Amino acid sequence: MKFFIDTANLDQIKEAQALGVLDGVTTNPSLMAKEGITGKDNILKHYVDICNIVEGDVSAEVVATDLAGMIREGEELAELHEQIVVKVPMIKDGVKALKYFSDKGIRTNCTLVFSPGQALLAAKAGATYVSPFLGRLDDISTDGLNLISEIRLIYDNYDFETQILAASIRHTMHVIDCAKIGADVMTGPLSSILGLLNHPLTDIGLEKFLADYRKGNS
């Protein structure tokens, strides 16, 4: 399972990278705005800055909603750095753009996926990644994990190469549950990754080991 961090914050990306388990980064216009990154040139530079920190894929999202606009933006993003994956919304023109980019050898991430049918279309169009939004489904009392299970079944049935990127991860148990189901990738906040470190018995055990050491070596 690949670990991506869902942020545009360079310090958090560096911290996750230093942990040694980071495989990539996902971003979106909201995350860029949260970090105060505005203006086309600043946004494009920020994508390159992220690519220079991590070794894996970096999803950069188009903001156009028409086919010509998505193609224009996507090609520009793809030219920024070899690690860039063009993030495209699950709409009709988005599916067309996925096919266009796939034929051109440009890797893609189909975002805002909330149904198995949408995931099937994305895979048929050649998406590199498909991003079902787990947390946002949970927010409306819908089982986001079940969606990932259904996509996993469909993709395995037909040997689709599209990777399931579990998005909108909110906490550590989402990570564990997605790993059990067989998501290829998870993307979430730094806290969801760091939370995997924690267990009270680890803390208690370490404290006992250190206390015993101090008794015999004081």
N, C-alpha and C. Protein backbone atom coordinates (compact mmCIF):
# COMPACT_ATOMS: atom_id res chain seq x y z
N MET A 1 0.84 -1.19 0.00
CA MET A 1 0.00 0.00 0.00
C MET A 1 0.89 1.25 0.00
N LYS A 2 0.60 2.17 -0.93
CA LYS A 2 1.35 3.41 -0.99
C LYS A 2 0.73 4.44 -0.04
N PHE A 3 1.60 5.24 0.57
CA PHE A 3 1.16 6.32 1.44
C PHE A 3 1.41 7.66 0.74
N PHE A 4 0.34 8.38 0.46
CA PHE A 4 0.45 9.75 -0.04
C PHE A 4 -0.02 10.68 1.08
N ILE A 5 0.50 11.90 1.09
CA ILE A 5 0.02 12.90 2.03
C ILE A 5 -0.79 13.93 1.26
N ASP A 6 -1.93 14.30 1.81
CA ASP A 6 -2.87 15.19 1.14
C ASP A 6 -2.71 16.60 1.70
N THR A 7 -1.80 17.34 1.13
CA THR A 7 -1.50 18.68 1.65
C THR A 7 -0.68 19.44 0.63
N ALA A 8 -0.63 20.76 0.82
CA ALA A 8 0.30 21.59 0.05
C ALA A 8 1.32 22.24 0.99
N ASN A 9 1.32 21.81 2.25
CA ASN A 9 2.21 22.36 3.26
C ASN A 9 3.59 21.69 3.15
N LEU A 10 4.59 22.46 2.79
CA LEU A 10 5.92 21.90 2.54
C LEU A 10 6.54 21.31 3.80
N ASP A 11 6.31 21.92 4.95
CA ASP A 11 6.88 21.40 6.20
C ASP A 11 6.31 20.02 6.52
N GLN A 12 5.00 19.86 6.34
CA GLN A 12 4.38 18.56 6.60
C GLN A 12 4.86 17.51 5.60
N ILE A 13 5.04 17.91 4.36
CA ILE A 13 5.55 16.98 3.35
C ILE A 13 6.97 16.54 3.71
N LYS A 14 7.79 17.49 4.14
CA LYS A 14 9.16 17.16 4.55
C LYS A 14 9.17 16.22 5.75
N GLU A 15 8.26 16.44 6.70
CA GLU A 15 8.20 15.56 7.88
C GLU A 15 7.81 14.15 7.49
N ALA A 16 6.81 14.03 6.61
CA ALA A 16 6.39 12.70 6.15
C ALA A 16 7.50 12.03 5.35
N GLN A 17 8.19 12.80 4.54
CA GLN A 17 9.30 12.26 3.75
C GLN A 17 10.42 11.77 4.66
N ALA A 18 10.70 12.51 5.71
CA ALA A 18 11.77 12.13 6.64
C ALA A 18 11.44 10.83 7.38
N LEU A 19 10.15 10.54 7.53
CA LEU A 19 9.74 9.29 8.19
C LEU A 19 10.15 8.07 7.37
N GLY A 20 10.30 8.25 6.06
CA GLY A 20 10.79 7.18 5.21
C GLY A 20 9.71 6.31 4.59
N VAL A 21 8.44 6.70 4.74
CA VAL A 21 7.36 5.85 4.22
C VAL A 21 6.49 6.57 3.19
N LEU A 22 6.87 7.78 2.82
CA LEU A 22 6.03 8.57 1.90
C LEU A 22 6.28 8.17 0.46
N ASP A 23 5.16 7.94 -0.26
CA ASP A 23 5.25 7.53 -1.66
C ASP A 23 4.78 8.61 -2.63
N GLY A 24 4.17 9.68 -2.13
CA GLY A 24 3.68 10.71 -3.03
C GLY A 24 2.85 11.75 -2.31
N VAL A 25 2.32 12.68 -3.10
CA VAL A 25 1.55 13.80 -2.56
C VAL A 25 0.33 14.04 -3.44
N THR A 26 -0.80 14.37 -2.81
CA THR A 26 -1.96 14.85 -3.56
C THR A 26 -2.27 16.26 -3.10
N THR A 27 -2.70 17.08 -4.03
CA THR A 27 -3.07 18.45 -3.71
C THR A 27 -4.35 18.80 -4.46
N ASN A 28 -4.91 19.92 -4.13
CA ASN A 28 -6.08 20.44 -4.86
C ASN A 28 -6.13 21.95 -4.64
N PRO A 29 -6.98 22.66 -5.37
CA PRO A 29 -7.04 24.12 -5.21
C PRO A 29 -7.33 24.57 -3.78
N SER A 30 -8.16 23.81 -3.05
CA SER A 30 -8.48 24.17 -1.67
C SER A 30 -7.24 24.10 -0.78
N LEU A 31 -6.43 23.06 -0.97
CA LEU A 31 -5.22 22.91 -0.16
C LEU A 31 -4.20 23.99 -0.50
N MET A 32 -4.12 24.35 -1.77
CA MET A 32 -3.22 25.45 -2.16
C MET A 32 -3.66 26.75 -1.49
N ALA A 33 -4.96 27.03 -1.55
CA ALA A 33 -5.47 28.26 -0.96
C ALA A 33 -5.23 28.29 0.55
N LYS A 34 -5.35 27.13 1.19
CA LYS A 34 -5.13 27.04 2.64
C LYS A 34 -3.72 27.47 3.02
N GLU A 35 -2.78 27.22 2.13
CA GLU A 35 -1.39 27.60 2.40
C GLU A 35 -1.05 28.99 1.87
N GLY A 36 -2.07 29.68 1.34
CA GLY A 36 -1.85 31.02 0.84
C GLY A 36 -1.16 31.07 -0.51
N ILE A 37 -1.19 29.97 -1.24
CA ILE A 37 -0.57 29.89 -2.56
C ILE A 37 -1.61 30.30 -3.59
N THR A 38 -1.47 31.46 -4.15
CA THR A 38 -2.41 31.98 -5.13
C THR A 38 -1.66 32.53 -6.34
N GLY A 39 -2.38 32.62 -7.46
CA GLY A 39 -1.75 33.09 -8.68
C GLY A 39 -1.12 31.93 -9.42
N LYS A 40 -1.34 31.87 -10.73
CA LYS A 40 -0.89 30.72 -11.53
C LYS A 40 0.60 30.43 -11.38
N ASP A 41 1.43 31.44 -11.50
CA ASP A 41 2.88 31.22 -11.44
C ASP A 41 3.31 30.67 -10.09
N ASN A 42 2.72 31.19 -9.02
CA ASN A 42 3.06 30.72 -7.68
C ASN A 42 2.61 29.27 -7.47
N ILE A 43 1.44 28.95 -8.00
CA ILE A 43 0.92 27.58 -7.87
C ILE A 43 1.80 26.60 -8.63
N LEU A 44 2.18 26.94 -9.86
CA LEU A 44 3.03 26.05 -10.65
C LEU A 44 4.39 25.86 -9.98
N LYS A 45 4.95 26.95 -9.45
CA LYS A 45 6.23 26.84 -8.75
C LYS A 45 6.11 25.95 -7.53
N HIS A 46 4.97 26.05 -6.84
CA HIS A 46 4.77 25.25 -5.62
C HIS A 46 4.74 23.76 -5.97
N TYR A 47 4.12 23.42 -7.09
CA TYR A 47 4.12 22.02 -7.52
C TYR A 47 5.55 21.52 -7.73
N VAL A 48 6.37 22.32 -8.35
CA VAL A 48 7.76 21.93 -8.58
C VAL A 48 8.50 21.80 -7.25
N ASP A 49 8.24 22.71 -6.32
CA ASP A 49 8.86 22.63 -5.00
C ASP A 49 8.51 21.31 -4.31
N ILE A 50 7.25 20.90 -4.43
CA ILE A 50 6.82 19.62 -3.84
C ILE A 50 7.55 18.47 -4.50
N CYS A 51 7.65 18.49 -5.83
CA CYS A 51 8.33 17.42 -6.55
C CYS A 51 9.79 17.30 -6.14
N ASN A 52 10.40 18.42 -5.76
CA ASN A 52 11.80 18.42 -5.36
C ASN A 52 12.01 17.86 -3.95
N ILE A 53 10.91 17.70 -3.20
CA ILE A 53 11.00 17.13 -1.85
C ILE A 53 10.79 15.63 -1.89
N VAL A 54 9.78 15.17 -2.64
CA VAL A 54 9.42 13.76 -2.64
C VAL A 54 9.96 13.06 -3.87
N GLU A 55 9.97 11.74 -3.81
CA GLU A 55 10.46 10.95 -4.93
C GLU A 55 9.32 10.37 -5.77
N GLY A 56 8.10 10.38 -5.22
CA GLY A 56 6.98 9.74 -5.90
C GLY A 56 6.08 10.70 -6.65
N ASP A 57 4.88 10.22 -6.96
CA ASP A 57 3.93 10.98 -7.76
C ASP A 57 3.34 12.15 -6.99
N VAL A 58 3.11 13.24 -7.72
CA VAL A 58 2.49 14.44 -7.15
C VAL A 58 1.29 14.80 -8.01
N SER A 59 0.09 14.69 -7.44
CA SER A 59 -1.13 15.01 -8.18
C SER A 59 -1.36 16.51 -8.20
N ALA A 60 -1.50 17.06 -9.40
CA ALA A 60 -1.75 18.49 -9.59
C ALA A 60 -3.06 18.63 -10.36
N GLU A 61 -4.00 19.39 -9.81
CA GLU A 61 -5.37 19.39 -10.31
C GLU A 61 -5.64 20.53 -11.30
N VAL A 62 -6.33 20.18 -12.39
CA VAL A 62 -6.80 21.20 -13.32
C VAL A 62 -8.00 21.90 -12.69
N VAL A 63 -8.23 23.14 -13.08
CA VAL A 63 -9.39 23.87 -12.58
C VAL A 63 -10.42 24.12 -13.67
N ALA A 64 -10.05 23.88 -14.93
CA ALA A 64 -11.01 24.00 -16.03
C ALA A 64 -12.03 22.86 -15.94
N THR A 65 -13.23 23.10 -16.47
CA THR A 65 -14.26 22.07 -16.49
C THR A 65 -14.69 21.71 -17.91
N ASP A 66 -14.06 22.32 -18.90
CA ASP A 66 -14.33 21.97 -20.31
C ASP A 66 -13.14 21.20 -20.85
N LEU A 67 -13.38 20.40 -21.88
CA LEU A 67 -12.35 19.51 -22.39
C LEU A 67 -11.11 20.26 -22.86
N ALA A 68 -11.30 21.29 -23.66
CA ALA A 68 -10.15 22.03 -24.18
C ALA A 68 -9.33 22.65 -23.05
N GLY A 69 -10.03 23.19 -22.06
CA GLY A 69 -9.33 23.79 -20.93
C GLY A 69 -8.56 22.77 -20.12
N MET A 70 -9.17 21.61 -19.87
CA MET A 70 -8.50 20.56 -19.10
C MET A 70 -7.27 20.05 -19.84
N ILE A 71 -7.38 19.89 -21.14
CA ILE A 71 -6.24 19.44 -21.93
C ILE A 71 -5.11 20.47 -21.88
N ARG A 72 -5.45 21.72 -22.04
CA ARG A 72 -4.45 22.78 -22.02
C ARG A 72 -3.74 22.83 -20.66
N GLU A 73 -4.53 22.84 -19.58
CA GLU A 73 -3.95 22.90 -18.24
C GLU A 73 -3.16 21.63 -17.92
N GLY A 74 -3.74 20.49 -18.29
CA GLY A 74 -3.09 19.22 -17.98
C GLY A 74 -1.75 19.06 -18.66
N GLU A 75 -1.68 19.46 -19.91
CA GLU A 75 -0.40 19.36 -20.62
C GLU A 75 0.64 20.30 -20.01
N GLU A 76 0.20 21.46 -19.58
CA GLU A 76 1.12 22.40 -18.94
C GLU A 76 1.62 21.84 -17.61
N LEU A 77 0.72 21.25 -16.84
CA LEU A 77 1.11 20.66 -15.57
C LEU A 77 2.08 19.50 -15.77
N ALA A 78 1.78 18.65 -16.74
CA ALA A 78 2.62 17.47 -16.99
C ALA A 78 4.03 17.86 -17.41
N GLU A 79 4.17 19.01 -18.06
CA GLU A 79 5.48 19.47 -18.51
C GLU A 79 6.32 20.04 -17.37
N LEU A 80 5.68 20.33 -16.23
CA LEU A 80 6.41 20.91 -15.10
C LEU A 80 7.48 19.98 -14.56
N HIS A 81 7.12 18.70 -14.44
CA HIS A 81 8.03 17.73 -13.80
C HIS A 81 7.55 16.32 -14.13
N GLU A 82 8.48 15.39 -14.23
CA GLU A 82 8.12 14.02 -14.59
C GLU A 82 7.28 13.33 -13.52
N GLN A 83 7.29 13.85 -12.29
CA GLN A 83 6.52 13.22 -11.21
C GLN A 83 5.06 13.68 -11.19
N ILE A 84 4.72 14.69 -11.97
CA ILE A 84 3.36 15.22 -11.94
C ILE A 84 2.35 14.23 -12.53
N VAL A 85 1.26 14.05 -11.81
CA VAL A 85 0.09 13.30 -12.28
C VAL A 85 -1.05 14.30 -12.39
N VAL A 86 -1.69 14.35 -13.53
CA VAL A 86 -2.74 15.35 -13.77
C VAL A 86 -4.05 14.88 -13.14
N LYS A 87 -4.58 15.70 -12.26
CA LYS A 87 -5.80 15.38 -11.53
C LYS A 87 -6.99 15.98 -12.27
N VAL A 88 -7.95 15.11 -12.62
CA VAL A 88 -9.09 15.49 -13.47
C VAL A 88 -10.39 15.12 -12.77
N PRO A 89 -11.40 16.01 -12.77
CA PRO A 89 -12.66 15.69 -12.11
C PRO A 89 -13.50 14.67 -12.87
N MET A 90 -14.30 13.91 -12.13
CA MET A 90 -15.19 12.92 -12.71
C MET A 90 -16.45 13.60 -13.26
N ILE A 91 -16.30 14.16 -14.45
CA ILE A 91 -17.42 14.72 -15.22
C ILE A 91 -17.26 14.23 -16.65
N LYS A 92 -18.25 14.49 -17.49
CA LYS A 92 -18.21 13.95 -18.85
C LYS A 92 -16.94 14.37 -19.60
N ASP A 93 -16.65 15.67 -19.59
CA ASP A 93 -15.44 16.13 -20.26
C ASP A 93 -14.19 15.64 -19.55
N GLY A 94 -14.31 15.38 -18.25
CA GLY A 94 -13.19 14.82 -17.52
C GLY A 94 -12.82 13.43 -18.01
N VAL A 95 -13.83 12.62 -18.29
CA VAL A 95 -13.60 11.27 -18.82
C VAL A 95 -12.94 11.36 -20.20
N LYS A 96 -13.42 12.29 -21.01
CA LYS A 96 -12.80 12.50 -22.32
C LYS A 96 -11.34 12.91 -22.17
N ALA A 97 -11.07 13.78 -21.19
CA ALA A 97 -9.70 14.22 -20.95
C ALA A 97 -8.83 13.06 -20.47
N LEU A 98 -9.38 12.20 -19.62
CA LEU A 98 -8.63 11.02 -19.16
C LEU A 98 -8.18 10.17 -20.34
N LYS A 99 -9.08 9.95 -21.29
CA LYS A 99 -8.75 9.16 -22.47
C LYS A 99 -7.68 9.86 -23.31
N TYR A 100 -7.83 11.17 -23.48
CA TYR A 100 -6.85 11.94 -24.25
C TYR A 100 -5.47 11.83 -23.61
N PHE A 101 -5.41 12.07 -22.30
CA PHE A 101 -4.12 12.03 -21.61
C PHE A 101 -3.52 10.62 -21.64
N SER A 102 -4.37 9.62 -21.46
CA SER A 102 -3.90 8.24 -21.49
C SER A 102 -3.26 7.91 -22.84
N ASP A 103 -3.91 8.33 -23.91
CA ASP A 103 -3.37 8.09 -25.25
C ASP A 103 -2.05 8.82 -25.48
N LYS A 104 -1.87 9.94 -24.76
CA LYS A 104 -0.65 10.74 -24.90
C LYS A 104 0.46 10.30 -23.93
N GLY A 105 0.16 9.32 -23.09
CA GLY A 105 1.15 8.86 -22.13
C GLY A 105 1.29 9.74 -20.91
N ILE A 106 0.28 10.60 -20.68
CA ILE A 106 0.27 11.46 -19.50
C ILE A 106 -0.52 10.78 -18.39
N ARG A 107 0.07 10.62 -17.23
CA ARG A 107 -0.58 9.92 -16.12
C ARG A 107 -1.64 10.82 -15.47
N THR A 108 -2.71 10.17 -14.98
CA THR A 108 -3.85 10.93 -14.47
C THR A 108 -4.37 10.36 -13.16
N ASN A 109 -5.08 11.23 -12.44
CA ASN A 109 -5.78 10.86 -11.21
C ASN A 109 -7.20 11.39 -11.34
N CYS A 110 -8.17 10.50 -11.43
CA CYS A 110 -9.58 10.91 -11.55
C CYS A 110 -10.13 11.15 -10.15
N THR A 111 -10.52 12.39 -9.88
CA THR A 111 -10.91 12.80 -8.53
C THR A 111 -12.42 13.01 -8.42
N LEU A 112 -12.88 13.13 -7.19
CA LEU A 112 -14.30 13.32 -6.87
C LEU A 112 -15.15 12.14 -7.36
N VAL A 113 -14.68 10.95 -7.03
CA VAL A 113 -15.39 9.72 -7.38
C VAL A 113 -16.19 9.25 -6.17
N PHE A 114 -17.47 9.00 -6.40
CA PHE A 114 -18.36 8.61 -5.30
C PHE A 114 -19.22 7.38 -5.61
N SER A 115 -18.98 6.72 -6.75
CA SER A 115 -19.77 5.54 -7.09
C SER A 115 -18.94 4.55 -7.88
N PRO A 116 -19.32 3.26 -7.83
CA PRO A 116 -18.61 2.25 -8.62
C PRO A 116 -18.67 2.54 -10.12
N GLY A 117 -19.81 3.06 -10.58
CA GLY A 117 -19.95 3.37 -11.99
C GLY A 117 -18.96 4.43 -12.44
N GLN A 118 -18.75 5.45 -11.62
CA GLN A 118 -17.77 6.47 -11.94
C GLN A 118 -16.36 5.87 -12.00
N ALA A 119 -16.05 5.00 -11.05
CA ALA A 119 -14.74 4.36 -11.02
C ALA A 119 -14.54 3.47 -12.24
N LEU A 120 -15.60 2.81 -12.69
CA LEU A 120 -15.51 1.96 -13.87
C LEU A 120 -15.22 2.80 -15.11
N LEU A 121 -15.91 3.93 -15.25
CA LEU A 121 -15.65 4.82 -16.38
C LEU A 121 -14.21 5.32 -16.38
N ALA A 122 -13.72 5.69 -15.20
CA ALA A 122 -12.35 6.20 -15.11
C ALA A 122 -11.34 5.15 -15.56
N ALA A 123 -11.56 3.92 -15.12
CA ALA A 123 -10.64 2.84 -15.51
C ALA A 123 -10.72 2.57 -17.01
N LYS A 124 -11.93 2.57 -17.55
CA LYS A 124 -12.10 2.34 -18.99
C LYS A 124 -11.40 3.42 -19.80
N ALA A 125 -11.37 4.65 -19.25
CA ALA A 125 -10.74 5.76 -19.96
C ALA A 125 -9.22 5.79 -19.77
N GLY A 126 -8.71 4.89 -18.94
CA GLY A 126 -7.27 4.76 -18.79
C GLY A 126 -6.64 5.55 -17.66
N ALA A 127 -7.44 5.94 -16.66
CA ALA A 127 -6.88 6.69 -15.53
C ALA A 127 -5.79 5.88 -14.82
N THR A 128 -4.74 6.56 -14.41
CA THR A 128 -3.69 5.91 -13.63
C THR A 128 -4.18 5.62 -12.22
N TYR A 129 -4.85 6.61 -11.64
CA TYR A 129 -5.42 6.50 -10.30
C TYR A 129 -6.89 6.90 -10.35
N VAL A 130 -7.67 6.31 -9.46
CA VAL A 130 -9.05 6.77 -9.24
C VAL A 130 -9.18 7.07 -7.76
N SER A 131 -9.79 8.23 -7.44
CA SER A 131 -9.85 8.69 -6.05
C SER A 131 -11.26 8.69 -5.50
N PRO A 132 -11.70 7.57 -4.89
CA PRO A 132 -12.98 7.59 -4.16
C PRO A 132 -12.81 8.35 -2.85
N PHE A 133 -13.77 9.22 -2.57
CA PHE A 133 -13.67 10.10 -1.40
C PHE A 133 -14.37 9.47 -0.20
N LEU A 134 -13.60 8.73 0.55
CA LEU A 134 -14.11 7.96 1.68
C LEU A 134 -14.75 8.84 2.75
N GLY A 135 -14.01 9.83 3.23
CA GLY A 135 -14.49 10.66 4.34
C GLY A 135 -15.74 11.45 4.01
N ARG A 136 -15.83 11.95 2.80
CA ARG A 136 -17.00 12.75 2.42
C ARG A 136 -18.26 11.90 2.34
N LEU A 137 -18.10 10.62 2.00
CA LEU A 137 -19.26 9.72 2.03
C LEU A 137 -19.67 9.43 3.47
N ASP A 138 -18.68 9.21 4.33
CA ASP A 138 -18.98 9.01 5.75
C ASP A 138 -19.73 10.20 6.32
N ASP A 139 -19.38 11.40 5.85
CA ASP A 139 -20.02 12.62 6.35
C ASP A 139 -21.52 12.65 6.10
N ILE A 140 -21.98 11.95 5.06
CA ILE A 140 -23.41 11.93 4.75
C ILE A 140 -24.03 10.57 5.08
N SER A 141 -23.40 9.89 6.06
CA SER A 141 -23.91 8.60 6.57
C SER A 141 -23.99 7.53 5.48
N THR A 142 -23.00 7.54 4.59
CA THR A 142 -22.87 6.51 3.56
C THR A 142 -21.55 5.78 3.79
N ASP A 143 -21.53 4.47 3.55
CA ASP A 143 -20.37 3.64 3.85
C ASP A 143 -19.29 3.82 2.77
N GLY A 144 -18.33 4.68 3.05
CA GLY A 144 -17.26 4.92 2.09
C GLY A 144 -16.38 3.70 1.88
N LEU A 145 -16.17 2.91 2.91
CA LEU A 145 -15.36 1.70 2.78
C LEU A 145 -16.00 0.69 1.84
N ASN A 146 -17.32 0.62 1.86
CA ASN A 146 -18.01 -0.29 0.96
C ASN A 146 -17.77 0.10 -0.49
N LEU A 147 -17.72 1.39 -0.77
CA LEU A 147 -17.43 1.84 -2.13
C LEU A 147 -16.06 1.33 -2.58
N ILE A 148 -15.07 1.45 -1.71
CA ILE A 148 -13.74 0.98 -2.08
C ILE A 148 -13.75 -0.53 -2.32
N SER A 149 -14.49 -1.27 -1.52
CA SER A 149 -14.61 -2.72 -1.71
C SER A 149 -15.23 -3.05 -3.07
N GLU A 150 -16.27 -2.30 -3.44
CA GLU A 150 -16.94 -2.54 -4.72
C GLU A 150 -16.00 -2.23 -5.89
N ILE A 151 -15.25 -1.15 -5.78
CA ILE A 151 -14.30 -0.80 -6.84
C ILE A 151 -13.21 -1.87 -6.95
N ARG A 152 -12.71 -2.33 -5.80
CA ARG A 152 -11.70 -3.38 -5.79
C ARG A 152 -12.19 -4.63 -6.52
N LEU A 153 -13.44 -5.03 -6.26
CA LEU A 153 -14.02 -6.20 -6.89
C LEU A 153 -14.11 -6.01 -8.41
N ILE A 154 -14.60 -4.86 -8.83
CA ILE A 154 -14.75 -4.59 -10.26
C ILE A 154 -13.40 -4.58 -10.96
N TYR A 155 -12.43 -3.91 -10.36
CA TYR A 155 -11.12 -3.83 -11.00
C TYR A 155 -10.44 -5.19 -11.07
N ASP A 156 -10.60 -5.99 -10.01
CA ASP A 156 -10.01 -7.33 -10.01
C ASP A 156 -10.71 -8.25 -11.02
N ASN A 157 -12.01 -8.06 -11.20
CA ASN A 157 -12.76 -8.87 -12.16
C ASN A 157 -12.19 -8.76 -13.57
N TYR A 158 -11.73 -7.56 -13.91
CA TYR A 158 -11.33 -7.29 -15.28
C TYR A 158 -9.87 -6.88 -15.43
N ASP A 159 -9.11 -7.06 -14.36
CA ASP A 159 -7.67 -6.77 -14.40
C ASP A 159 -7.35 -5.34 -14.84
N PHE A 160 -8.19 -4.39 -14.42
CA PHE A 160 -7.87 -3.00 -14.70
C PHE A 160 -6.58 -2.62 -13.97
N GLU A 161 -5.74 -1.84 -14.63
CA GLU A 161 -4.48 -1.41 -14.04
C GLU A 161 -4.63 -0.13 -13.21
N THR A 162 -5.77 0.53 -13.32
CA THR A 162 -6.01 1.75 -12.54
C THR A 162 -5.89 1.45 -11.05
N GLN A 163 -5.14 2.28 -10.34
CA GLN A 163 -4.93 2.08 -8.91
C GLN A 163 -5.99 2.82 -8.10
N ILE A 164 -6.49 2.16 -7.07
CA ILE A 164 -7.48 2.76 -6.18
C ILE A 164 -6.76 3.60 -5.15
N LEU A 165 -7.00 4.91 -5.22
CA LEU A 165 -6.38 5.87 -4.30
C LEU A 165 -7.46 6.35 -3.33
N ALA A 166 -7.47 5.75 -2.16
CA ALA A 166 -8.47 6.11 -1.15
C ALA A 166 -8.22 7.52 -0.65
N ALA A 167 -9.14 8.43 -0.98
CA ALA A 167 -8.95 9.84 -0.66
C ALA A 167 -9.91 10.27 0.45
N SER A 168 -9.73 11.49 0.90
CA SER A 168 -10.55 12.04 1.98
C SER A 168 -10.43 11.16 3.23
N ILE A 169 -9.22 10.66 3.45
CA ILE A 169 -8.92 9.91 4.67
C ILE A 169 -8.92 10.90 5.84
N ARG A 170 -9.61 10.54 6.90
CA ARG A 170 -9.75 11.48 8.02
C ARG A 170 -8.93 11.07 9.25
N HIS A 171 -8.67 9.78 9.41
CA HIS A 171 -8.01 9.32 10.64
C HIS A 171 -7.31 8.00 10.39
N THR A 172 -6.62 7.54 11.42
CA THR A 172 -5.76 6.35 11.29
C THR A 172 -6.55 5.09 10.98
N MET A 173 -7.73 4.92 11.56
CA MET A 173 -8.49 3.70 11.29
C MET A 173 -8.94 3.63 9.83
N HIS A 174 -9.15 4.79 9.21
CA HIS A 174 -9.42 4.78 7.77
C HIS A 174 -8.26 4.12 7.02
N VAL A 175 -7.05 4.44 7.44
CA VAL A 175 -5.86 3.87 6.79
C VAL A 175 -5.86 2.35 6.94
N ILE A 176 -6.08 1.88 8.16
CA ILE A 176 -6.07 0.44 8.43
C ILE A 176 -7.18 -0.25 7.65
N ASP A 177 -8.38 0.31 7.66
CA ASP A 177 -9.50 -0.30 6.96
C ASP A 177 -9.25 -0.37 5.46
N CYS A 178 -8.68 0.69 4.90
CA CYS A 178 -8.38 0.69 3.47
C CYS A 178 -7.32 -0.35 3.12
N ALA A 179 -6.35 -0.54 4.02
CA ALA A 179 -5.34 -1.55 3.79
C ALA A 179 -5.95 -2.95 3.81
N LYS A 180 -6.91 -3.18 4.71
CA LYS A 180 -7.59 -4.48 4.77
C LYS A 180 -8.37 -4.76 3.49
N ILE A 181 -9.00 -3.73 2.96
CA ILE A 181 -9.85 -3.89 1.78
C ILE A 181 -9.02 -4.09 0.52
N GLY A 182 -7.84 -3.51 0.50
CA GLY A 182 -6.98 -3.66 -0.66
C GLY A 182 -6.83 -2.43 -1.51
N ALA A 183 -7.03 -1.23 -0.92
CA ALA A 183 -6.75 0.00 -1.66
C ALA A 183 -5.26 0.03 -2.00
N ASP A 184 -4.96 0.48 -3.21
CA ASP A 184 -3.56 0.52 -3.64
C ASP A 184 -2.81 1.66 -2.97
N VAL A 185 -3.53 2.75 -2.72
CA VAL A 185 -2.93 3.97 -2.18
C VAL A 185 -3.91 4.58 -1.18
N MET A 186 -3.38 5.22 -0.17
CA MET A 186 -4.21 6.07 0.68
C MET A 186 -3.60 7.45 0.68
N THR A 187 -4.44 8.48 0.70
CA THR A 187 -3.94 9.83 0.87
C THR A 187 -4.72 10.52 1.97
N GLY A 188 -3.99 11.10 2.89
CA GLY A 188 -4.63 11.73 4.03
C GLY A 188 -3.69 12.72 4.70
N PRO A 189 -4.12 13.32 5.80
CA PRO A 189 -3.28 14.26 6.52
C PRO A 189 -2.12 13.55 7.19
N LEU A 190 -1.11 14.33 7.56
CA LEU A 190 0.05 13.77 8.26
C LEU A 190 -0.37 13.02 9.52
N SER A 191 -1.38 13.54 10.21
CA SER A 191 -1.83 12.92 11.47
C SER A 191 -2.31 11.49 11.27
N SER A 192 -2.89 11.18 10.11
CA SER A 192 -3.39 9.83 9.87
C SER A 192 -2.24 8.83 9.71
N ILE A 193 -1.10 9.33 9.24
CA ILE A 193 0.09 8.47 9.10
C ILE A 193 0.79 8.33 10.44
N LEU A 194 1.00 9.45 11.11
CA LEU A 194 1.70 9.41 12.40
C LEU A 194 0.91 8.62 13.44
N GLY A 195 -0.42 8.62 13.30
CA GLY A 195 -1.25 7.88 14.24
C GLY A 195 -0.97 6.38 14.24
N LEU A 196 -0.43 5.87 13.14
CA LEU A 196 -0.09 4.44 13.07
C LEU A 196 1.03 4.07 14.03
N LEU A 197 1.79 5.07 14.45
CA LEU A 197 2.90 4.81 15.38
C LEU A 197 2.41 4.48 16.78
N ASN A 198 1.23 4.95 17.12
CA ASN A 198 0.82 5.00 18.53
C ASN A 198 0.16 3.72 19.03
N HIS A 199 0.60 3.27 20.20
CA HIS A 199 -0.09 2.24 20.96
C HIS A 199 0.35 2.36 22.41
N PRO A 200 -0.58 2.37 23.36
CA PRO A 200 -0.19 2.56 24.76
C PRO A 200 0.75 1.49 25.28
N LEU A 201 0.61 0.26 24.79
CA LEU A 201 1.50 -0.81 25.27
C LEU A 201 2.94 -0.60 24.80
N THR A 202 3.10 0.03 23.64
CA THR A 202 4.45 0.38 23.19
C THR A 202 5.08 1.38 24.16
N ASP A 203 4.31 2.40 24.54
CA ASP A 203 4.82 3.42 25.46
C ASP A 203 5.14 2.81 26.83
N ILE A 204 4.23 1.96 27.30
CA ILE A 204 4.44 1.33 28.62
C ILE A 204 5.65 0.41 28.57
N GLY A 205 5.75 -0.38 27.51
CA GLY A 205 6.87 -1.31 27.38
C GLY A 205 8.20 -0.59 27.30
N LEU A 206 8.25 0.48 26.53
CA LEU A 206 9.50 1.22 26.38
C LEU A 206 9.91 1.85 27.71
N GLU A 207 8.94 2.40 28.42
CA GLU A 207 9.25 3.02 29.71
C GLU A 207 9.79 1.99 30.69
N LYS A 208 9.24 0.76 30.66
CA LYS A 208 9.72 -0.28 31.56
C LYS A 208 11.15 -0.70 31.20
N PHE A 209 11.39 -0.85 29.89
CA PHE A 209 12.75 -1.21 29.46
C PHE A 209 13.76 -0.17 29.93
N LEU A 210 13.41 1.10 29.75
CA LEU A 210 14.32 2.18 30.12
C LEU A 210 14.50 2.26 31.64
N ALA A 211 13.39 2.03 32.38
CA ALA A 211 13.46 2.06 33.84
C ALA A 211 14.36 0.94 34.35
N ASP A 212 14.21 -0.25 33.78
CA ASP A 212 15.06 -1.38 34.19
C ASP A 212 16.53 -1.11 33.84
N TYR A 213 16.76 -0.47 32.71
CA TYR A 213 18.13 -0.14 32.32
C TYR A 213 18.76 0.84 33.32
N ARG A 214 17.94 1.85 33.69
CA ARG A 214 18.45 2.84 34.61
C ARG A 214 18.78 2.25 35.98
N LYS A 215 17.97 1.27 36.42
CA LYS A 215 18.22 0.61 37.70
C LYS A 215 19.57 -0.10 37.72
N GLY A 216 19.87 -0.72 36.60
CA GLY A 216 21.12 -1.50 36.56
C GLY A 216 22.32 -0.72 36.09
N ASN A 217 22.11 0.51 35.65
CA ASN A 217 23.23 1.26 35.08
C ASN A 217 23.31 2.69 35.60
N SER A 218 22.78 2.90 36.80
CA SER A 218 22.80 4.25 37.37
C SER A 218 24.05 4.44 38.20
